[in-house]
Protein backbone atom coordinates (compact mmCIF):
# COMPACT_ATOMS: atom_id res chain seq x y z
CA MET A 1 6.64 26.11 40.86
CA THR A 2 6.29 22.03 39.87
CA LEU A 3 7.21 21.75 36.08
CA ALA A 4 7.16 18.78 33.70
CA LYS A 5 7.11 18.43 29.76
CA THR A 6 5.53 15.81 27.91
CA ARG A 7 5.51 15.83 24.00
CA SER A 8 2.37 15.62 21.64
CA VAL A 9 2.21 16.16 17.84
CA ALA A 10 -0.29 18.66 15.62
CA LEU A 11 -1.65 17.92 12.39
CA VAL A 12 -2.11 20.64 9.58
CA GLY A 13 -3.76 18.73 6.67
CA VAL A 14 -1.55 15.18 6.57
CA ASP A 15 1.27 16.94 8.01
CA GLY A 16 2.18 16.56 11.52
CA PHE A 17 4.08 18.68 13.76
CA VAL A 18 5.89 17.59 17.08
CA VAL A 19 4.63 19.81 19.89
CA ASP A 20 6.08 20.61 23.46
CA VAL A 21 3.05 20.04 26.39
CA GLU A 22 4.49 21.81 29.20
CA ALA A 23 2.45 21.44 32.97
CA ALA A 24 3.47 24.12 35.96
CA ILE A 25 1.67 23.82 38.78
CA THR A 26 2.25 27.57 40.81
CA SER A 27 0.24 29.69 43.04
CA GLY A 28 -2.98 31.00 42.30
CA VAL A 29 -6.78 30.24 41.51
CA PRO A 30 -7.32 26.59 41.11
CA GLY A 31 -7.84 26.06 37.73
CA LEU A 32 -6.43 24.43 34.49
CA HIS A 33 -5.32 27.13 31.67
CA LEU A 34 -4.53 26.13 28.16
CA VAL A 35 -1.99 28.67 25.84
CA GLY A 36 -0.89 27.83 22.71
CA LEU A 37 -3.98 28.66 20.23
CA PRO A 38 -6.13 25.42 21.12
CA ASP A 39 -9.50 25.34 19.22
CA THR A 40 -12.98 24.73 20.71
CA ALA A 41 -11.88 20.98 21.02
CA LEU A 42 -9.04 21.23 22.73
CA ASN A 43 -10.05 24.19 24.56
CA GLU A 44 -12.93 21.31 25.94
CA ALA A 45 -9.97 18.95 27.49
CA ARG A 46 -9.58 20.53 30.63
CA ASP A 47 -12.89 18.89 31.34
CA ARG A 48 -12.14 15.96 29.85
CA VAL A 49 -8.55 15.66 31.87
CA ARG A 50 -10.07 16.68 35.06
CA ALA A 51 -12.86 13.81 34.89
CA ALA A 52 -10.60 11.00 33.61
CA VAL A 53 -7.64 11.77 36.22
CA PHE A 54 -10.53 11.78 38.92
CA ASN A 55 -12.01 8.70 38.04
CA SER A 56 -8.48 7.01 37.21
CA GLY A 57 -8.20 7.05 41.28
CA GLU A 58 -5.73 9.84 41.37
CA ASP A 59 -5.73 13.59 42.93
CA TRP A 60 -6.05 16.88 41.29
CA PRO A 61 -3.85 19.10 42.22
CA ASN A 62 -5.53 22.09 44.13
CA ARG A 63 -3.80 24.94 42.52
CA HIS A 64 -3.13 26.78 39.48
CA VAL A 65 -1.86 24.56 36.70
CA THR A 66 -0.63 26.30 33.14
CA VAL A 67 -0.42 23.89 30.18
CA SER A 68 1.63 25.50 27.69
CA LEU A 69 1.53 23.77 23.87
CA PHE A 70 4.99 25.28 22.23
CA PRO A 71 5.38 26.23 19.53
CA ALA A 72 2.61 28.68 20.54
CA SER A 73 2.19 30.28 17.22
CA LEU A 74 0.95 26.99 15.74
CA PRO A 75 -2.60 26.31 15.81
CA LYS A 76 -3.03 22.90 17.27
CA LYS A 77 -6.64 21.41 17.23
CA GLY A 78 -8.54 18.36 18.38
CA SER A 79 -8.74 16.19 21.11
CA ILE A 80 -4.99 14.26 20.16
CA PHE A 81 -3.60 16.19 23.51
CA ASP A 82 -5.88 14.74 26.01
CA ILE A 83 -3.40 12.32 27.55
CA SER A 84 -0.33 14.33 26.75
CA ILE A 85 -1.76 16.80 28.57
CA ALA A 86 -2.67 14.84 31.59
CA VAL A 87 0.27 12.61 32.03
CA ALA A 88 2.42 16.31 31.63
CA LEU A 89 0.03 17.45 34.69
CA LEU A 90 0.01 14.69 36.77
CA ALA A 91 4.15 14.61 36.69
CA ALA A 92 4.08 18.19 37.69
CA ALA A 93 2.29 17.26 40.85
CA GLU A 94 5.16 14.48 40.96
CA VAL A 95 2.11 11.66 40.72
CA VAL A 96 4.23 10.19 37.94
CA PRO A 97 7.95 10.22 38.06
CA PRO A 98 8.44 13.35 35.71
CA ARG A 99 11.45 11.30 33.75
CA SER A 100 9.68 8.67 32.88
CA CYS A 101 7.52 10.93 30.31
CA ALA A 102 9.80 13.29 29.14
CA GLY A 103 10.82 12.19 25.81
CA MET A 104 7.54 10.36 25.02
CA VAL A 105 5.05 11.25 22.19
CA MET A 106 1.51 10.40 23.76
CA ILE A 107 -1.42 10.61 21.19
CA GLY A 108 -5.18 10.43 21.93
CA GLU A 109 -8.45 11.08 23.39
CA LEU A 110 -9.26 10.49 27.13
CA GLY A 111 -13.33 9.58 28.12
CA LEU A 112 -14.55 10.75 31.53
CA ASP A 113 -13.84 7.21 33.17
CA GLY A 114 -10.53 7.53 32.01
CA ARG A 115 -10.52 5.48 28.68
CA ALA A 116 -8.28 5.95 25.81
CA ARG A 117 -10.42 6.52 22.83
CA PRO A 118 -9.00 5.84 19.69
CA ILE A 119 -8.93 8.98 16.97
CA THR A 120 -7.84 9.69 13.77
CA GLY A 121 -4.62 10.91 12.11
CA VAL A 122 -2.43 8.44 14.07
CA LEU A 123 -0.45 7.06 11.35
CA PRO A 124 0.77 11.13 10.30
CA ALA A 125 1.32 11.77 13.81
CA VAL A 126 3.32 8.85 14.63
CA LEU A 127 5.56 9.40 11.22
CA ALA A 128 6.03 13.27 12.24
CA ALA A 129 7.41 12.11 15.73
CA ALA A 130 9.52 9.48 13.97
CA ASN A 131 11.05 12.30 11.27
CA ALA A 132 11.42 14.33 14.60
CA GLY A 133 13.80 11.65 16.49
CA CYS A 134 11.60 10.46 18.77
CA THR A 135 11.46 6.60 19.40
CA THR A 136 8.48 6.11 22.06
CA VAL A 137 4.81 6.84 21.15
CA VAL A 138 2.26 6.28 23.20
CA VAL A 139 -1.43 5.88 21.23
CA PRO A 140 -4.64 4.21 22.28
CA ARG A 141 -5.28 0.52 22.30
CA GLY A 142 -7.45 0.52 19.27
CA ASN A 143 -4.88 2.50 17.16
CA ALA A 144 -1.40 0.59 17.66
CA ALA A 145 -2.28 -1.34 14.19
CA GLU A 146 -1.92 1.73 12.43
CA ALA A 147 0.91 3.32 14.57
CA ARG A 148 2.97 0.30 14.14
CA LEU A 149 3.38 0.08 10.61
CA VAL A 150 6.04 3.28 11.23
CA PRO A 151 9.19 0.86 11.05
CA GLY A 152 11.87 1.91 13.90
CA THR A 153 8.72 3.10 16.29
CA GLU A 154 8.34 1.94 20.06
CA VAL A 155 4.42 2.23 20.49
CA VAL A 156 2.84 2.01 23.79
CA ALA A 157 -0.40 0.83 23.64
CA THR A 158 -2.73 2.19 26.32
CA GLY A 159 -6.42 0.85 27.08
CA SER A 160 -7.00 3.93 29.72
CA LEU A 161 -5.14 6.32 31.45
CA ARG A 162 -4.79 4.33 35.00
CA GLU A 163 -3.09 1.41 32.39
CA LEU A 164 -0.25 4.24 31.39
CA LEU A 165 0.47 5.77 34.76
CA ALA A 166 0.99 2.16 35.99
CA ILE A 167 3.63 1.26 33.10
CA LEU A 168 5.30 4.71 34.14
CA ARG A 169 5.64 3.65 37.13
CA ASP A 170 6.92 0.51 36.77
CA GLU A 171 4.06 -0.68 38.66
CA PRO A 172 2.05 -4.03 37.95
CA LEU A 173 -1.08 -2.82 35.35
CA PRO A 174 -4.25 -2.95 36.59
CA GLU A 175 -6.83 -5.69 35.69
CA GLU A 176 -8.45 -5.09 32.12
CA GLU A 177 -11.31 -3.00 32.08
CA GLU A 178 -14.65 -4.29 30.58
CA ALA A 179 -14.92 -2.72 26.82
CA ASP A 180 -17.32 -0.11 26.05
CA PRO A 181 -20.68 -2.15 25.56
CA SER A 182 -22.02 0.18 23.20
CA PRO A 183 -19.05 1.95 21.38
CA LEU A 184 -20.49 4.20 18.48
CA PRO A 185 -19.01 3.46 15.20
CA PRO A 186 -16.34 5.29 13.47
CA PRO A 187 -17.67 8.48 11.39
CA ALA A 188 -17.17 6.68 8.35
CA ASP A 189 -19.43 3.79 9.23
CA ARG A 190 -22.20 6.05 9.94
CA LEU A 191 -21.69 7.45 6.51
CA GLY A 192 -21.75 4.12 4.84
CA LEU A 193 -18.26 3.89 3.70
CA ARG A 194 -17.04 1.20 5.42
CA GLY A 195 -17.58 -2.63 5.85
CA ARG A 196 -18.10 -3.36 2.02
CA ASP A 197 -16.07 -3.30 -0.72
CA ARG A 198 -18.01 -2.01 -3.61
CA HIS A 199 -14.82 -4.14 -6.25
CA ALA A 200 -15.60 -7.55 -4.89
CA GLY A 201 -16.22 -9.98 -7.82
CA LEU A 202 -16.33 -7.22 -10.53
CA ASP A 203 -14.25 -8.78 -13.26
CA LEU A 204 -13.42 -6.46 -16.60
CA ALA A 205 -15.15 -9.59 -18.84
CA ASP A 206 -18.47 -8.77 -17.40
CA VAL A 207 -18.74 -5.87 -20.05
CA ARG A 208 -20.08 -6.91 -23.59
CA GLY A 209 -18.69 -5.68 -26.77
CA GLN A 210 -16.93 -2.01 -26.43
CA ALA A 211 -13.89 -3.19 -27.37
CA GLU A 212 -12.05 0.60 -27.78
CA ALA A 213 -13.13 1.38 -24.62
CA ARG A 214 -11.71 -1.94 -23.06
CA ARG A 215 -8.35 -0.84 -24.40
CA ALA A 216 -8.50 2.60 -23.51
CA LEU A 217 -8.95 1.23 -19.76
CA GLU A 218 -5.92 -0.75 -19.98
CA VAL A 219 -3.92 2.02 -21.25
CA SER A 220 -5.55 4.12 -18.62
CA ALA A 221 -4.28 1.78 -15.86
CA ALA A 222 -0.97 1.02 -17.31
CA GLY A 223 0.44 5.23 -17.60
CA GLY A 224 -2.43 6.45 -15.11
CA HIS A 225 -4.01 8.82 -18.09
CA HIS A 226 -7.38 10.76 -17.26
CA LEU A 227 -10.28 8.99 -19.51
CA PHE A 228 -13.40 10.67 -20.59
CA PHE A 229 -16.08 8.65 -21.80
CA SER A 230 -19.98 9.77 -23.45
CA GLY A 231 -22.28 7.92 -24.83
CA PRO A 232 -26.11 7.17 -24.14
CA PRO A 233 -27.75 5.22 -20.77
CA GLY A 234 -26.65 1.70 -20.77
CA CYS A 235 -23.63 1.33 -23.00
CA GLY A 236 -21.65 0.94 -20.23
CA LYS A 237 -19.78 3.68 -18.85
CA THR A 238 -19.73 3.24 -15.27
CA MET A 239 -19.32 -0.56 -16.03
CA LEU A 240 -15.94 -0.04 -17.25
CA ALA A 241 -14.99 3.15 -14.87
CA GLU A 242 -15.84 0.77 -11.70
CA ARG A 243 -13.66 -1.97 -13.25
CA LEU A 244 -10.50 0.22 -13.64
CA PRO A 245 -9.56 -0.82 -10.03
CA THR A 246 -9.71 -4.23 -10.78
CA LEU A 247 -6.85 -3.76 -13.55
CA LEU A 248 -4.30 -1.44 -10.98
CA PRO A 249 -1.38 -3.05 -9.15
CA PRO A 250 -1.05 -3.57 -5.34
CA LEU A 251 0.27 0.11 -3.64
CA GLU A 252 4.16 0.05 -3.33
CA PRO A 253 4.71 0.45 -0.02
CA ASP A 254 5.56 3.90 0.47
CA ALA A 255 2.25 4.83 -2.00
CA ALA A 256 0.52 3.00 0.99
CA LEU A 257 1.68 4.53 3.58
CA GLU A 258 0.96 7.85 1.87
CA VAL A 259 -2.59 6.61 0.86
CA THR A 260 -3.42 5.42 4.55
CA ALA A 261 -2.27 8.71 5.96
CA ILE A 262 -4.50 10.72 4.17
CA HIS A 263 -7.56 7.91 5.03
CA SER A 264 -6.71 8.16 8.64
CA VAL A 265 -6.84 12.26 8.61
CA ALA A 266 -10.59 11.52 7.24
CA GLY A 267 -11.66 9.26 9.12
CA THR A 268 -12.09 6.36 6.49
CA LEU A 269 -9.55 4.45 7.55
CA PRO A 270 -11.50 0.56 8.02
CA PRO A 271 -10.15 -0.42 11.73
CA ASP A 272 -9.69 -3.65 10.52
CA GLN A 273 -7.68 -2.78 7.91
CA PRO A 274 -4.73 -0.42 9.19
CA LEU A 275 -2.84 -0.38 6.03
CA ILE A 276 -4.46 0.48 2.67
CA THR A 277 -2.78 -1.93 -0.10
CA ARG A 278 -5.08 -1.61 -2.98
CA SER A 279 -5.78 1.51 -4.95
CA PRO A 280 -8.57 3.75 -4.10
CA PHE A 281 -11.83 4.51 -6.21
CA PHE A 282 -14.10 7.27 -4.89
CA ALA A 283 -16.96 8.51 -6.73
CA PRO A 284 -18.73 11.62 -5.15
CA HIS A 285 -22.41 12.40 -6.09
CA HIS A 286 -22.76 15.07 -8.59
CA THR A 287 -24.05 17.59 -6.01
CA ALA A 288 -20.58 17.51 -3.74
CA THR A 289 -19.39 20.93 -3.23
CA ARG A 290 -15.98 22.66 -4.02
CA ALA A 291 -14.95 21.84 -0.63
CA ALA A 292 -16.22 18.15 -0.55
CA MET A 293 -14.24 17.85 -4.21
CA VAL A 294 -10.90 19.63 -3.31
CA GLY A 295 -11.14 19.47 0.36
CA GLY A 296 -11.38 22.54 2.95
CA GLY A 297 -13.62 22.94 5.84
CA SER A 298 -14.17 25.97 8.59
CA GLY A 299 -11.71 27.30 10.46
CA ARG A 300 -8.68 25.65 11.68
CA VAL A 301 -10.56 22.18 10.69
CA LEU A 302 -9.50 21.33 7.06
CA GLN A 303 -10.27 17.77 5.77
CA PRO A 304 -9.14 16.24 2.50
CA GLY A 305 -11.87 15.87 -0.37
CA ALA A 306 -12.50 14.18 -3.01
CA VAL A 307 -9.38 14.07 -5.31
CA SER A 308 -7.12 13.27 -2.06
CA LEU A 309 -9.08 10.40 -0.89
CA ALA A 310 -8.60 9.02 -4.22
CA HIS A 311 -5.08 9.42 -4.46
CA ARG A 312 -2.90 7.24 -5.88
CA GLY A 313 -6.33 5.61 -7.29
CA THR A 314 -9.04 6.16 -9.51
CA LEU A 315 -11.24 9.73 -8.78
CA PHE A 316 -14.85 8.59 -11.00
CA LEU A 317 -17.45 11.53 -11.88
CA ASP A 318 -20.22 9.95 -13.00
CA GLU A 319 -22.65 12.26 -15.05
CA ALA A 320 -19.83 14.71 -15.02
CA PRO A 321 -22.25 17.72 -16.65
CA GLU A 322 -24.22 17.73 -13.43
CA PHE A 323 -21.71 18.74 -11.31
CA MET A 324 -21.43 22.63 -10.96
CA SER A 325 -18.97 24.25 -13.18
CA GLY A 326 -16.66 25.32 -10.28
CA THR A 327 -16.27 22.53 -8.73
CA LEU A 328 -15.31 20.54 -12.08
CA ASP A 329 -12.92 23.63 -12.93
CA ALA A 330 -11.17 23.30 -9.04
CA LEU A 331 -10.04 19.87 -10.40
CA ARG A 332 -7.41 21.59 -12.51
CA GLN A 333 -4.77 22.52 -10.44
CA PRO A 334 -4.62 19.07 -8.78
CA LEU A 335 -4.24 17.21 -12.51
CA GLU A 336 -1.95 19.23 -12.91
CA GLU A 337 0.35 19.38 -9.70
CA GLY A 338 -0.59 16.29 -7.77
CA GLU A 339 -1.53 18.05 -4.58
CA VAL A 340 -4.24 20.98 -3.63
CA ARG A 341 -3.03 23.83 -0.85
CA ILE A 342 -5.92 25.48 1.05
CA SER A 343 -5.44 28.67 2.41
CA ARG A 344 -6.94 29.91 5.56
CA ALA A 345 -6.43 33.03 7.75
CA GLU A 346 -4.65 30.54 10.39
CA GLY A 347 -2.47 28.87 7.58
CA THR A 348 -2.35 26.86 4.80
CA ALA A 349 -2.83 22.67 4.42
CA CYS A 350 -1.23 20.85 1.59
CA PHE A 351 -2.97 17.36 0.76
CA PRO A 352 -1.42 15.14 -1.97
CA ALA A 353 -4.05 14.47 -4.61
CA ARG A 354 -2.16 12.28 -7.85
CA PHE A 355 -5.25 10.50 -9.33
CA THR A 356 -6.68 8.89 -12.49
CA LEU A 357 -9.75 11.04 -13.47
CA VAL A 358 -12.24 8.89 -15.24
CA LEU A 359 -15.08 11.35 -16.69
CA ALA A 360 -18.27 9.71 -17.59
CA ALA A 361 -21.47 11.83 -19.58
CA ASN A 362 -24.55 11.15 -21.87
CA PRO A 363 -24.62 13.48 -24.75
CA CYS A 364 -27.67 15.09 -23.99
CA PRO A 365 -29.81 16.11 -20.78
CA CYS A 366 -32.81 13.94 -21.11
CA ALA A 367 -30.41 11.04 -21.62
CA ALA A 368 -32.49 8.54 -23.88
CA ALA A 369 -31.30 5.38 -24.52
CA LYS A 370 -31.73 6.14 -28.55
CA GLN A 371 -30.79 9.07 -30.77
CA VAL A 372 -34.34 9.05 -32.20
CA ASP A 373 -35.82 9.12 -29.39
CA CYS A 374 -34.01 12.43 -28.44
CA SER A 375 -36.23 15.51 -27.97
CA CYS A 376 -33.30 17.58 -27.36
CA ALA A 377 -32.07 20.73 -29.73
CA PRO A 378 -28.77 20.99 -30.67
CA PRO A 379 -28.23 24.11 -28.40
CA ILE A 380 -29.44 22.14 -25.36
CA ARG A 381 -27.53 19.52 -26.21
CA ARG A 382 -23.84 21.83 -26.80
CA ARG A 383 -25.06 23.94 -23.89
CA TYR A 384 -25.30 20.41 -21.46
CA LEU A 385 -21.96 18.96 -22.18
CA SER A 386 -20.12 22.59 -22.54
CA ARG A 387 -20.69 22.38 -18.53
CA ILE A 388 -17.34 20.38 -18.93
CA SER A 389 -14.90 23.39 -20.05
CA GLY A 390 -12.23 23.11 -22.66
CA PRO A 391 -9.45 23.60 -20.43
CA LEU A 392 -10.66 20.59 -18.35
CA LEU A 393 -10.97 18.50 -21.48
CA ASP A 394 -7.61 19.75 -22.26
CA ARG A 395 -6.22 18.02 -19.43
CA VAL A 396 -8.11 14.80 -20.31
CA ASP A 397 -5.42 12.26 -22.17
CA LEU A 398 -8.16 9.72 -23.42
CA LYS A 399 -11.51 10.59 -24.87
CA LEU A 400 -14.23 8.02 -26.41
CA GLU A 401 -17.80 8.07 -27.57
CA LEU A 402 -19.36 4.64 -26.94
CA THR A 403 -22.46 3.29 -28.43
CA PRO A 404 -24.64 0.96 -27.32
CA ALA A 405 -23.46 -3.20 -27.85
CA SER A 406 -24.83 -4.96 -30.85
CA ARG A 407 -27.00 -8.11 -30.25
CA ALA A 408 -24.06 -10.04 -30.96
CA GLU A 409 -22.01 -8.42 -29.02
CA LEU A 410 -24.67 -8.87 -25.87
CA ARG A 411 -25.32 -12.46 -26.65
CA TYR A 412 -21.42 -13.54 -27.87
CA ASP A 413 -18.77 -11.01 -26.43
CA LEU A 414 -18.81 -12.87 -23.34
CA GLU A 415 -16.59 -15.69 -24.84
CA PHE A 416 -13.83 -14.04 -26.21
CA ALA A 417 -13.99 -10.70 -23.18
CA GLU A 418 -10.63 -10.78 -21.51
CA SER A 419 -10.40 -11.26 -17.71
CA SER A 420 -9.16 -8.53 -15.28
CA GLU A 421 -6.67 -11.03 -14.42
CA VAL A 422 -5.57 -11.01 -17.86
CA VAL A 423 -5.13 -7.59 -18.52
CA ALA A 424 -3.92 -6.93 -14.87
CA GLU A 425 -1.27 -8.49 -16.14
CA ARG A 426 -0.13 -7.10 -19.15
CA VAL A 427 -0.94 -3.55 -17.05
CA LEU A 428 1.53 -4.90 -14.38
CA GLN A 429 4.32 -5.84 -16.89
CA ALA A 430 3.84 -2.25 -18.52
CA ARG A 431 4.55 -0.83 -15.88
CA GLU A 432 7.55 -2.69 -14.95
CA ARG A 433 8.82 -1.17 -18.35
CA THR A 434 8.31 2.14 -17.51
CA LEU A 435 10.15 1.97 -14.46
CA LYS A 436 13.17 0.48 -16.06
CA ARG A 437 13.00 3.45 -17.90
CA LEU A 438 12.42 5.97 -15.70
CA ASP A 439 14.86 4.68 -12.97
CA ALA A 440 16.59 7.51 -12.87
CA THR A 441 14.34 10.03 -12.58
CA PRO A 442 11.57 11.06 -9.43
CA TRP A 443 8.66 9.61 -11.68
CA ARG A 444 7.09 6.06 -11.53
CA MET A 445 3.99 6.61 -14.49
CA ASN A 446 4.28 8.24 -18.31
CA SER A 447 1.52 10.15 -17.51
CA GLU A 448 3.60 11.95 -14.14
CA ILE A 449 6.78 13.31 -16.72
CA PRO A 450 6.87 17.25 -17.22
CA GLY A 451 6.24 18.31 -20.64
CA PRO A 452 9.86 20.13 -20.76
CA GLU A 453 11.32 16.77 -20.12
CA LEU A 454 9.10 14.79 -22.13
CA ARG A 455 10.05 16.72 -25.17
CA ARG A 456 13.88 16.44 -23.99
CA CYS A 457 14.19 13.02 -23.01
CA PHE A 458 11.45 10.85 -24.89
CA VAL A 459 10.95 11.92 -28.64
CA PRO A 460 10.73 8.94 -30.52
CA SER A 461 11.90 9.43 -34.01
CA GLY A 462 10.82 11.74 -36.65
CA GLU A 463 8.87 9.25 -38.61
CA ALA A 464 7.10 8.27 -35.85
CA MET A 465 6.15 11.56 -35.01
CA ARG A 466 4.53 12.66 -37.97
CA ALA A 467 1.04 12.34 -37.42
CA ALA A 468 1.57 14.33 -34.40
CA ASP A 469 3.20 17.30 -36.48
CA ASP A 470 0.81 16.94 -38.84
CA ALA A 471 -2.19 17.53 -36.39
CA LEU A 472 -0.10 20.52 -34.60
CA HIS A 473 0.58 22.06 -37.92
CA CYS A 474 -3.42 21.85 -38.39
CA GLY A 475 -4.55 23.35 -35.43
CA THR A 476 -6.21 20.35 -34.38
CA LEU A 477 -3.27 19.93 -31.87
CA SER A 478 -2.62 22.21 -28.98
CA ALA A 479 1.26 21.73 -27.31
CA ARG A 480 -0.44 20.80 -24.22
CA GLY A 481 -2.05 17.87 -26.29
CA LEU A 482 0.97 17.08 -28.18
CA ASP A 483 2.50 16.10 -24.80
CA ARG A 484 -0.23 13.99 -23.86
CA VAL A 485 -0.08 12.31 -26.67
CA LEU A 486 3.56 11.74 -26.35
CA ARG A 487 2.72 10.16 -22.91
CA VAL A 488 0.25 7.76 -23.75
CA ALA A 489 2.05 7.31 -26.98
CA TRP A 490 4.86 5.68 -24.48
CA THR A 491 2.08 3.84 -22.52
CA ILE A 492 0.80 1.96 -25.66
CA ALA A 493 4.76 1.25 -26.72
CA ASP A 494 5.45 -0.31 -23.07
CA LEU A 495 1.71 -2.34 -23.07
CA ALA A 496 2.98 -3.76 -27.06
CA GLY A 497 6.62 -4.14 -25.93
CA HIS A 498 8.59 -1.57 -27.77
CA ASP A 499 11.63 -0.02 -26.98
CA GLN A 500 10.11 3.33 -28.68
CA PRO A 501 7.06 4.30 -29.70
CA THR A 502 6.27 3.54 -33.50
CA ALA A 503 4.00 5.36 -35.91
CA ASP A 504 1.55 3.34 -34.89
CA ASP A 505 2.01 3.83 -31.11
CA VAL A 506 1.39 7.36 -31.71
CA GLY A 507 -1.45 7.06 -33.99
CA GLY A 508 -3.12 5.37 -31.95
CA ALA A 509 -2.31 8.12 -28.98
CA LEU A 510 -3.37 10.70 -31.19
CA ASN A 511 -6.76 8.98 -32.31
CA LEU A 512 -8.00 8.41 -28.30
CA TRP A 513 -6.87 12.26 -27.48
CA SER A 514 -8.72 13.50 -30.40
CA THR A 515 -11.70 11.68 -30.70
CA ARG A 516 -14.54 13.95 -31.49
CA ARG A 517 -15.41 15.96 -28.60
CA PRO A 518 -18.51 16.22 -26.13
């Protein structure tokens, strides 16, 4: 019996686990047998690898080959194991020296012609390999830029199995093969999610009037607070929400890697942008299902949802009452915990989901531009807006009811409206003050501070809290609402440069939280 081993990575959600790929050639009926909980796509690797080996000019062993994926109890899916299976098999057949590939982690899919094809999820896979102490990773050339984002890792980029075998044998590299003349676009390209920046050229100064809403947008950007806009069509709800990303600073290095890993797994990472450095903005259609919103899938194929694609950025739900109530209520757990746990019979996957939620809603289903034109009876209006549940709204820090801009604001406000660049500078300064105050804590923004710590270590003076205490005593403010008001008050104080929230800061936060609800 001849035995050889390589390594690869199994992805469960955005978490990677190093897998030993062992190939043994024994006597028996010729063929390739895979063991170790492979899914359908991985089982089909037998045919892909066989064709790739033949078309790379190598002989297929005419004996029984067993390929074991260890640990056997870990579910494994996809075509990420193709290269490691092919190299382990050829090393067992002594076509390549077994020692030359024993310590390498090999990631990638093989075409029938032997080309190494790019795959999704390379960044979290390479991160897992680096965390496991593996220093050399083999990836398809199309994934090389993404893989090199992980520091301290030697990335071997290969265009084909033939090229990789030459590297392992220490032979001259073969002549570079011609690229596929008609490659399919990545999945995200076919879905229209790439190739355009919907926020290019947008500026907060484009919004006429709505001074209070623009102020709320600034507070939301500075503290990561959730936001709700209600008002008739044309008052600027969508315009305001789409300009929130223009106020946010670039992602910090750790956050950028985290966001990029999620989009890599989802297949929405632009091929010319291996690292996402700007806060993402995701706006699903109101027909989105619960699985599309929070993530899920059938069997072992679990994909991140909208809440994870918006991680460290903005999730905008336009026409929020049109979403199914179960879809909206599914947001409550990620809003509280900053992550989504999806459980299936095969296991549990965890996706990060710390985002800023922006809701927008018309006051009634007929969406009349003027209230006098509305034909909806009061019970219909109440029923329509009650689709956004009270528990969900209780987790939203800022609530505003917008009215259409006046004629004077439409004509002259553009001269006085601040640009996104000016407001973004204030947001950056406020976040720096927040970071300085939270330096010894694990939190980065005011919205992340847990309620007990907020009440224990970040309570304003009694004089400043008088309005909030009165609202709590009267029953117009809940305990959760008090925490929300405190967080917003600290953000307003950071924007104003105050060391502690003043009575005006707390009053402003209370007014933004308790504005007439739908």
